[in-house]
């Protein structure tokens, strides 16, 4: 289970992305801050989730599941909740 407290502070995402995994659900994830073109005042969190065992770079992009939320505390909580709905352990 991905808990909000494991996902670091909002300021961290202004400079870097965060990767993690949930071995019980056989998944890996990347969370990053994205500034959509033409919406510089409205950054978002983008979470990309894929099945283990490979890294982001070594995984076929067709396996990615992507979700976006507003760049705020509530958005990061929603990202954690969304990741927790996914499970690749039965594949």
C-alpha atoms as a PDB file:
ATOM      1  CA  UNK A   1       0.000   0.000   0.000  1.00  0.00           C
ATOM      2  CA  UNK A   2       1.255   3.453  -0.893  1.00  0.00           C
ATOM      3  CA  UNK A   3       0.848   5.875   1.983  1.00  0.00           C
ATOM      4  CA  UNK A   4       0.872   9.641   1.531  1.00  0.00           C
ATOM      5  CA  UNK A   5       3.617  10.036   4.133  1.00  0.00           C
ATOM      6  CA  UNK A   6       5.993   8.012   1.896  1.00  0.00           C
ATOM      7  CA  UNK A   7       5.567  10.432  -1.021  1.00  0.00           C
ATOM      8  CA  UNK A   8       7.703  13.317   0.319  1.00  0.00           C
ATOM      9  CA  UNK A   9       6.884  17.022   0.526  1.00  0.00           C
ATOM     10  CA  UNK A  10       5.374  19.070  -2.291  1.00  0.00           C
ATOM     11  CA  UNK A  11       8.547  21.140  -2.699  1.00  0.00           C
ATOM     12  CA  UNK A  12      10.503  17.998  -3.597  1.00  0.00           C
ATOM     13  CA  UNK A  13       8.444  17.597  -6.793  1.00  0.00           C
ATOM     14  CA  UNK A  14       9.347  21.104  -7.951  1.00  0.00           C
ATOM     15  CA  UNK A  15      12.896  19.851  -8.573  1.00  0.00           C
ATOM     16  CA  UNK A  16      12.719  16.079  -9.060  1.00  0.00           C
ATOM     17  CA  UNK A  17      10.460  13.109  -9.655  1.00  0.00           C
ATOM     18  CA  UNK A  18       9.822  10.283  -7.201  1.00  0.00           C
ATOM     19  CA  UNK A  19       9.816   6.563  -7.916  1.00  0.00           C
ATOM     20  CA  UNK A  20       8.655   3.716  -5.760  1.00  0.00           C
ATOM     21  CA  UNK A  21       7.113   0.283  -5.758  1.00  0.00           C
ATOM     22  CA  UNK A  22       4.549  -1.884  -4.017  1.00  0.00           C
ATOM     23  CA  UNK A  23       5.788  -5.468  -4.029  1.00  0.00           C
ATOM     24  CA  UNK A  24       2.485  -6.828  -2.720  1.00  0.00           C
ATOM     25  CA  UNK A  25       0.725  -5.547  -5.843  1.00  0.00           C
ATOM     26  CA  UNK A  26       3.687  -6.136  -8.189  1.00  0.00           C
ATOM     27  CA  UNK A  27       3.767  -2.535  -9.376  1.00  0.00           C
ATOM     28  CA  UNK A  28       6.165   0.342  -9.736  1.00  0.00           C
ATOM     29  CA  UNK A  29       5.363   4.017 -10.046  1.00  0.00           C
ATOM     30  CA  UNK A  30       6.800   7.385 -10.978  1.00  0.00           C
ATOM     31  CA  UNK A  31       5.298  10.637  -9.688  1.00  0.00           C
ATOM     32  CA  UNK A  32       6.316  13.926 -11.248  1.00  0.00           C
ATOM     33  CA  UNK A  33       5.248  17.551 -11.497  1.00  0.00           C
ATOM     34  CA  UNK A  34       4.176  18.508 -15.006  1.00  0.00           C
ATOM     35  CA  UNK A  35       3.429  21.988 -16.314  1.00  0.00           C
ATOM     36  CA  UNK A  36       1.047  21.572 -19.260  1.00  0.00           C
ATOM     37  CA  UNK A  37       1.842  23.698 -22.292  1.00  0.00           C
ATOM     38  CA  UNK A  38      -0.213  26.874 -22.166  1.00  0.00           C
ATOM     39  CA  UNK A  39      -1.117  26.315 -18.508  1.00  0.00           C
ATOM     40  CA  UNK A  40       2.000  27.529 -16.715  1.00  0.00           C
ATOM     41  CA  UNK A  41      -0.104  28.599 -13.718  1.00  0.00           C
ATOM     42  CA  UNK A  42      -1.678  25.145 -13.340  1.00  0.00           C
ATOM     43  CA  UNK A  43       0.945  22.447 -12.711  1.00  0.00           C
ATOM     44  CA  UNK A  44      -0.260  18.904 -12.116  1.00  0.00           C
ATOM     45  CA  UNK A  45       0.987  15.686 -10.606  1.00  0.00           C
ATOM     46  CA  UNK A  46       1.358  12.922 -13.155  1.00  0.00           C
ATOM     47  CA  UNK A  47       1.589   9.379 -11.841  1.00  0.00           C
ATOM     48  CA  UNK A  48       2.732   6.605 -14.137  1.00  0.00           C
ATOM     49  CA  UNK A  49       2.283   3.031 -12.928  1.00  0.00           C
ATOM     50  CA  UNK A  50       3.508  -0.195 -14.542  1.00  0.00           C
ATOM     51  CA  UNK A  51       3.929  -3.866 -13.606  1.00  0.00           C
ATOM     52  CA  UNK A  52       7.162  -5.100 -12.043  1.00  0.00           C
ATOM     53  CA  UNK A  53       9.952  -6.119 -12.523  1.00  0.00           C
ATOM     54  CA  UNK A  54      11.435  -3.604 -14.963  1.00  0.00           C
ATOM     55  CA  UNK A  55      12.419   0.045 -14.581  1.00  0.00           C
ATOM     56  CA  UNK A  56      10.485   2.845 -16.261  1.00  0.00           C
ATOM     57  CA  UNK A  57      13.005   3.040 -19.095  1.00  0.00           C
ATOM     58  CA  UNK A  58      12.968  -0.726 -19.700  1.00  0.00           C
ATOM     59  CA  UNK A  59       9.165  -1.109 -19.691  1.00  0.00           C
ATOM     60  CA  UNK A  60       7.001  -1.151 -22.825  1.00  0.00           C
ATOM     61  CA  UNK A  61       5.033   2.143 -22.719  1.00  0.00           C
ATOM     62  CA  UNK A  62       1.848   0.276 -23.640  1.00  0.00           C
ATOM     63  CA  UNK A  63       1.916  -1.148 -20.088  1.00  0.00           C
ATOM     64  CA  UNK A  64       1.859   2.295 -18.433  1.00  0.00           C
ATOM     65  CA  UNK A  65      -1.241   3.554 -16.671  1.00  0.00           C
ATOM     66  CA  UNK A  66      -1.234   7.326 -16.217  1.00  0.00           C
ATOM     67  CA  UNK A  67      -3.274   9.561 -13.936  1.00  0.00           C
ATOM     68  CA  UNK A  68      -3.089  13.311 -13.259  1.00  0.00           C
ATOM     69  CA  UNK A  69      -4.232  15.446 -10.335  1.00  0.00           C
ATOM     70  CA  UNK A  70      -3.752  19.134  -9.419  1.00  0.00           C
ATOM     71  CA  UNK A  71      -0.372  20.003  -7.913  1.00  0.00           C
ATOM     72  CA  UNK A  72      -1.418  20.435  -4.288  1.00  0.00           C
ATOM     73  CA  UNK A  73      -1.583  18.368  -1.115  1.00  0.00           C
ATOM     74  CA  UNK A  74      -5.025  17.021  -2.009  1.00  0.00           C
ATOM     75  CA  UNK A  75      -3.740  16.070  -5.459  1.00  0.00           C
ATOM     76  CA  UNK A  76      -0.882  14.071  -3.974  1.00  0.00           C
ATOM     77  CA  UNK A  77      -3.310  12.314  -1.629  1.00  0.00           C
ATOM     78  CA  UNK A  78      -5.506  11.487  -4.652  1.00  0.00           C
ATOM     79  CA  UNK A  79      -2.464  10.108  -6.509  1.00  0.00           C
ATOM     80  CA  UNK A  80      -1.705   7.780  -3.569  1.00  0.00           C
ATOM     81  CA  UNK A  81      -5.332   6.642  -3.455  1.00  0.00           C
ATOM     82  CA  UNK A  82      -5.358   5.988  -7.220  1.00  0.00           C
ATOM     83  CA  UNK A  83      -2.151   3.948  -7.088  1.00  0.00           C
ATOM     84  CA  UNK A  84      -3.713   1.858  -4.322  1.00  0.00           C
ATOM     85  CA  UNK A  85      -6.594   0.895  -6.624  1.00  0.00           C
ATOM     86  CA  UNK A  86      -4.182  -0.836  -9.022  1.00  0.00           C
ATOM     87  CA  UNK A  87      -2.918  -4.392  -8.686  1.00  0.00           C
ATOM     88  CA  UNK A  88      -0.739  -6.352 -11.123  1.00  0.00           C
ATOM     89  CA  UNK A  89      -0.175  -9.337  -8.835  1.00  0.00           C
ATOM     90  CA  UNK A  90      -2.687 -11.513 -10.674  1.00  0.00           C
ATOM     91  CA  UNK A  91      -1.070 -11.046 -14.092  1.00  0.00           C
END
